[in-house]
Amino acid sequence: IFRQFIMYKFFLLFMLGYVWAAPQGPTSEPIPILKYENEVNFDGTYKWAYETGNGISAQESGFVKNFGQGEPNEIQTAQGQYSYTAPDGQVIQLVYTADDNGFVPQGSHIPTPPPIPPAIQKALDYLATLPSTPETPRG
């Protein structure tokens, strides 16, 4: 009886492992790449673009500002855009630039800060008109 119990336990553990090892979800079809372009040039210019079968698209182009003036003076610049559909169905479109001013995205979905209340803005404007005074050390 003990031997049957061990065999039963081994069989149960084997079946449990088999079930856990089975695929847990439906397999999805691969998403096709409808368009793909990639061009890199010796002068630092480049452009790439792609579009997928599920509506994702992106493109970017760039160049080196001050090309040939030495590495400290050269600045890689880029401009591009991408779009996709969010899980809630909203189409997200973002346009951006990246250069010596940093990464600057623009899109209707990007939150913006609320406006400064008029009373606070009035106080800030007043403070800006006051002459600056040197800070005295506290001791």
Protein backbone atom coordinates (compact mmCIF):
# COMPACT_ATOMS: atom_id res chain seq x y z
CA ILE A 1 0.00 0.00 0.00
CA PHE A 2 2.84 2.42 0.82
CA ARG A 3 4.42 1.68 -2.55
CA GLN A 4 1.14 2.44 -4.35
CA PHE A 5 0.88 5.71 -2.42
CA ILE A 6 4.39 6.73 -3.55
CA MET A 7 3.59 5.80 -7.17
CA TYR A 8 0.32 7.74 -7.01
CA LYS A 9 2.10 10.76 -5.53
CA PHE A 10 4.81 10.59 -8.21
CA PHE A 11 2.19 10.34 -10.97
CA LEU A 12 0.26 13.29 -9.52
CA LEU A 13 3.40 15.46 -9.35
CA PHE A 14 4.31 14.46 -12.91
CA MET A 15 0.86 15.43 -14.21
CA LEU A 16 0.91 18.70 -12.28
CA GLY A 17 4.29 19.59 -13.82
CA TYR A 18 3.01 18.66 -17.26
CA VAL A 19 -0.03 20.93 -16.88
CA TRP A 20 2.10 23.85 -15.63
CA ALA A 21 4.51 23.42 -18.55
CA ALA A 22 1.71 23.63 -21.13
CA PRO A 23 1.20 26.97 -22.91
CA GLN A 24 -0.95 29.17 -20.70
CA GLY A 25 -2.57 31.45 -23.24
CA PRO A 26 -3.62 31.62 -26.82
CA THR A 27 -0.82 32.03 -29.29
CA SER A 28 -0.97 35.19 -31.38
CA GLU A 29 -0.11 35.64 -34.98
CA PRO A 30 3.13 37.49 -35.70
CA ILE A 31 2.54 41.15 -36.53
CA PRO A 32 3.81 41.89 -40.04
CA ILE A 33 6.21 44.72 -40.81
CA LEU A 34 4.56 46.60 -43.69
CA LYS A 35 7.31 49.14 -44.27
CA TYR A 36 10.93 49.38 -43.14
CA GLU A 37 13.52 51.91 -44.28
CA ASN A 38 16.94 52.59 -42.80
CA GLU A 39 19.58 54.88 -44.30
CA VAL A 40 22.83 55.93 -42.61
CA ASN A 41 25.31 58.21 -44.38
CA PHE A 42 28.98 58.96 -43.75
CA ASP A 43 28.32 62.64 -43.03
CA GLY A 44 26.21 61.79 -39.96
CA THR A 45 22.82 62.13 -41.63
CA TYR A 46 20.36 59.30 -41.28
CA LYS A 47 16.70 58.44 -41.56
CA TRP A 48 14.61 55.46 -40.67
CA ALA A 49 10.93 54.60 -40.77
CA TYR A 50 8.70 51.62 -40.13
CA GLU A 51 5.04 50.67 -40.07
CA THR A 52 3.52 47.52 -38.62
CA GLY A 53 0.34 45.63 -39.34
CA ASN A 54 -1.24 46.66 -36.04
CA GLY A 55 -1.06 50.40 -36.78
CA ILE A 56 2.23 51.34 -35.12
CA SER A 57 4.37 53.69 -37.18
CA ALA A 58 7.50 55.73 -36.53
CA GLN A 59 10.03 57.75 -38.45
CA GLU A 60 13.09 59.81 -37.63
CA SER A 61 15.75 61.75 -39.46
CA GLY A 62 18.84 63.40 -38.13
CA PHE A 63 22.10 65.09 -38.88
CA VAL A 64 25.20 66.34 -37.11
CA LYS A 65 25.07 70.10 -36.53
CA ASN A 66 28.48 71.72 -37.08
CA PHE A 67 29.73 68.61 -38.89
CA GLY A 68 33.49 68.59 -39.35
CA GLN A 69 34.22 71.22 -36.68
CA GLY A 70 35.50 68.76 -34.11
CA GLU A 71 33.72 66.54 -31.63
CA PRO A 72 33.16 69.15 -28.89
CA ASN A 73 31.33 71.42 -31.36
CA GLU A 74 29.32 68.75 -33.18
CA ILE A 75 25.76 68.14 -31.99
CA GLN A 76 23.62 65.20 -33.07
CA THR A 77 20.13 66.41 -33.92
CA ALA A 78 17.00 64.41 -34.64
CA GLN A 79 13.38 65.00 -35.48
CA GLY A 80 10.69 62.42 -35.82
CA GLN A 81 7.28 61.14 -34.91
CA TYR A 82 5.52 57.99 -33.84
CA SER A 83 1.92 56.88 -33.48
CA TYR A 84 0.04 53.93 -32.06
CA THR A 85 -3.38 53.08 -30.66
CA ALA A 86 -3.63 52.99 -26.87
CA PRO A 87 -5.55 50.17 -25.13
CA ASP A 88 -8.50 52.56 -24.62
CA GLY A 89 -8.71 53.14 -28.41
CA GLN A 90 -7.17 56.63 -28.44
CA VAL A 91 -4.68 57.20 -31.26
CA ILE A 92 -1.48 58.55 -29.74
CA GLN A 93 0.61 60.74 -32.04
CA LEU A 94 3.84 62.32 -30.88
CA VAL A 95 6.19 64.62 -32.79
CA TYR A 96 9.61 65.37 -31.33
CA THR A 97 12.92 67.09 -31.82
CA ALA A 98 16.16 66.32 -30.02
CA ASP A 99 19.19 68.59 -30.21
CA ASP A 100 21.32 70.84 -28.02
CA ASN A 101 18.07 71.98 -26.33
CA GLY A 102 17.24 68.42 -25.28
CA PHE A 103 14.29 66.19 -26.15
CA VAL A 104 11.16 68.23 -26.96
CA PRO A 105 8.00 66.15 -27.48
CA GLN A 106 4.67 67.55 -28.70
CA GLY A 107 1.36 65.73 -28.65
CA SER A 108 -2.24 66.32 -27.68
CA HIS A 109 -2.08 63.50 -25.11
CA ILE A 110 0.80 65.06 -23.15
CA PRO A 111 -0.52 66.72 -20.00
CA THR A 112 0.10 70.43 -19.56
CA PRO A 113 0.40 72.27 -16.26
CA PRO A 114 -2.60 74.29 -15.10
CA PRO A 115 -2.42 78.05 -15.59
CA ILE A 116 -0.95 80.17 -12.80
CA PRO A 117 -3.77 81.80 -10.81
CA PRO A 118 -4.01 85.57 -11.52
CA ALA A 119 -3.24 86.62 -7.93
CA ILE A 120 -0.03 84.56 -7.88
CA GLN A 121 0.98 85.84 -11.32
CA LYS A 122 0.44 89.43 -10.14
CA ALA A 123 2.67 88.79 -7.11
CA LEU A 124 5.38 87.23 -9.29
CA ASP A 125 5.28 90.18 -11.68
CA TYR A 126 5.59 92.59 -8.75
CA LEU A 127 8.54 90.68 -7.27
CA ALA A 128 10.30 90.76 -10.62
CA THR A 129 10.20 94.59 -10.61
CA LEU A 130 11.92 94.89 -7.22
CA PRO A 131 15.67 95.58 -7.16
CA SER A 132 17.79 92.65 -6.10
CA THR A 133 19.44 92.87 -2.71
CA PRO A 134 22.64 91.08 -1.76
CA GLU A 135 22.17 88.21 0.62
CA THR A 136 23.71 88.81 4.03
CA PRO A 137 25.15 85.83 5.86
CA ARG A 138 23.39 84.84 9.03
CA GLY A 139 25.54 84.18 11.98
